[in-house]
Amino acid sequence: MTRTHQQDFSSMIEYLDKLERRIEFIEKQSDKMEENSYKTEDGLLRTKESIKEDIDKLKLKLSMIKNQLEEQKRIIKLMVNEFKKIIKQENMDKLNEKIDRWGPERFISRNEMIKNI
């Protein structure tokens, strides 16, 4: 019976050794996965911060453009008011007519000209 017990113990020890190796392998894989997860999370956080900075820069640029447009509108309004003071209405009509005649919407592009020829 001792021989049978010895074989049983021997096979049990062998089985436990296999289990130990499997557990070690799984622990290593788990550690690698955890490390990769941290790297991915770090990369995502950096990307998020970069995108946030880009959005803030764009907001600032848009605000600046909006301010420039408002300033240009104000200047144009002042110019129109000054023109109205300087010239009479009939001269203004003539000026509007000339502006309409030379308006950029009346110009054709080179491609359109080639198509018409």
Protein backbone atom coordinates (compact mmCIF):
# COMPACT_ATOMS: atom_id res chain seq x y z
CA MET A 1 0.00 0.00 0.00
CA THR A 2 2.83 2.33 0.52
CA ARG A 3 3.74 2.02 -3.10
CA THR A 4 0.21 3.00 -4.12
CA HIS A 5 0.28 5.90 -1.70
CA GLN A 6 3.60 6.95 -3.07
CA GLN A 7 2.25 6.87 -6.61
CA ASP A 8 -0.81 8.82 -5.51
CA PHE A 9 1.38 11.41 -3.79
CA SER A 10 3.70 11.51 -6.73
CA SER A 11 0.85 12.10 -9.21
CA MET A 12 -0.69 14.66 -6.86
CA ILE A 13 2.61 16.52 -6.57
CA GLU A 14 2.98 16.41 -10.35
CA TYR A 15 -0.54 17.77 -10.76
CA LEU A 16 0.14 20.55 -8.23
CA ASP A 17 3.35 21.46 -10.07
CA LYS A 18 1.39 21.78 -13.33
CA LEU A 19 -1.19 23.93 -11.57
CA GLU A 20 1.54 26.13 -10.12
CA ARG A 21 3.09 26.65 -13.57
CA ARG A 22 -0.30 27.49 -15.04
CA ILE A 23 -1.01 29.98 -12.26
CA GLU A 24 2.40 31.61 -12.76
CA PHE A 25 1.75 31.86 -16.51
CA ILE A 26 -1.69 33.38 -15.92
CA GLU A 27 -0.23 35.85 -13.39
CA LYS A 28 2.41 36.95 -15.92
CA GLN A 29 -0.22 37.38 -18.61
CA SER A 30 -2.39 39.34 -16.19
CA ASP A 31 0.54 41.61 -15.32
CA LYS A 32 1.23 42.23 -19.03
CA MET A 33 -2.43 43.02 -19.66
CA GLU A 34 -2.50 45.40 -16.71
CA GLU A 35 0.66 47.15 -17.93
CA ASN A 36 -0.80 47.49 -21.45
CA SER A 37 -4.00 48.82 -19.96
CA TYR A 38 -2.07 51.51 -18.07
CA LYS A 39 -0.15 52.46 -21.21
CA THR A 40 -3.37 52.72 -23.22
CA GLU A 41 -5.04 54.78 -20.50
CA ASP A 42 -2.04 57.10 -20.34
CA GLY A 43 -2.08 57.52 -24.11
CA LEU A 44 -5.79 58.28 -24.08
CA LEU A 45 -5.36 60.86 -21.34
CA ARG A 46 -2.58 62.59 -23.28
CA THR A 47 -4.71 62.56 -26.43
CA LYS A 48 -7.67 63.96 -24.51
CA GLU A 49 -5.54 66.79 -23.12
CA SER A 50 -4.13 67.54 -26.56
CA ILE A 51 -7.61 67.69 -28.07
CA LYS A 52 -8.79 69.92 -25.24
CA GLU A 53 -5.88 72.30 -25.86
CA ASP A 54 -6.66 72.35 -29.60
CA ILE A 55 -10.32 73.13 -28.90
CA ASP A 56 -9.35 75.95 -26.55
CA LYS A 57 -7.03 77.40 -29.21
CA LEU A 58 -9.77 77.18 -31.81
CA LYS A 59 -12.24 78.90 -29.50
CA LEU A 60 -9.76 81.70 -28.97
CA LYS A 61 -9.15 82.08 -32.72
CA LEU A 62 -12.88 82.07 -33.42
CA SER A 63 -13.39 84.74 -30.80
CA MET A 64 -10.65 86.85 -32.39
CA ILE A 65 -12.19 86.41 -35.85
CA LYS A 66 -15.59 87.36 -34.51
CA ASN A 67 -14.14 90.51 -32.97
CA GLN A 68 -12.39 91.38 -36.24
CA LEU A 69 -15.62 90.91 -38.18
CA GLU A 70 -17.51 93.11 -35.74
CA GLU A 71 -14.83 95.78 -36.11
CA GLN A 72 -15.03 95.54 -39.90
CA LYS A 73 -18.82 95.87 -39.77
CA ARG A 74 -18.47 98.94 -37.61
CA ILE A 75 -15.96 100.51 -40.02
CA ILE A 76 -18.14 99.75 -43.03
CA LYS A 77 -21.14 101.34 -41.33
CA LEU A 78 -19.07 104.43 -40.58
CA MET A 79 -17.90 104.59 -44.19
CA VAL A 80 -21.45 104.30 -45.51
CA ASN A 81 -22.62 107.04 -43.19
CA GLU A 82 -19.75 109.25 -44.31
CA PHE A 83 -20.53 108.55 -47.96
CA LYS A 84 -24.15 109.46 -47.37
CA LYS A 85 -23.07 112.75 -45.89
CA ILE A 86 -20.66 113.52 -48.72
CA ILE A 87 -22.64 112.66 -51.81
CA LYS A 88 -26.20 113.31 -52.76
CA GLN A 89 -28.70 110.52 -53.21
CA GLU A 90 -28.56 110.68 -57.01
CA ASN A 91 -24.79 110.31 -56.92
CA MET A 92 -25.23 107.44 -54.48
CA ASP A 93 -27.57 105.73 -56.94
CA LYS A 94 -24.98 106.11 -59.69
CA LEU A 95 -22.28 104.74 -57.41
CA ASN A 96 -24.48 101.77 -56.46
CA GLU A 97 -25.15 101.12 -60.14
CA LYS A 98 -21.41 101.10 -60.90
CA ILE A 99 -20.71 98.86 -57.94
CA ASP A 100 -23.44 96.47 -59.09
CA ARG A 101 -22.00 96.43 -62.59
CA TRP A 102 -18.53 95.62 -61.31
CA GLY A 103 -19.66 93.27 -58.54
CA PRO A 104 -17.61 90.08 -58.25
CA GLU A 105 -20.73 87.95 -58.74
CA ARG A 106 -20.83 89.22 -62.34
CA PHE A 107 -17.32 87.98 -63.10
CA ILE A 108 -16.88 84.55 -64.58
CA SER A 109 -14.07 82.23 -63.77
CA ARG A 110 -11.48 81.09 -66.29
CA ASN A 111 -13.06 77.62 -66.32
CA GLU A 112 -16.50 79.08 -67.08
CA MET A 113 -15.01 81.20 -69.88
CA ILE A 114 -13.35 78.13 -71.40
CA LYS A 115 -16.66 76.26 -71.22
CA ASN A 116 -18.44 79.12 -72.99
CA ILE A 117 -15.87 79.19 -75.79
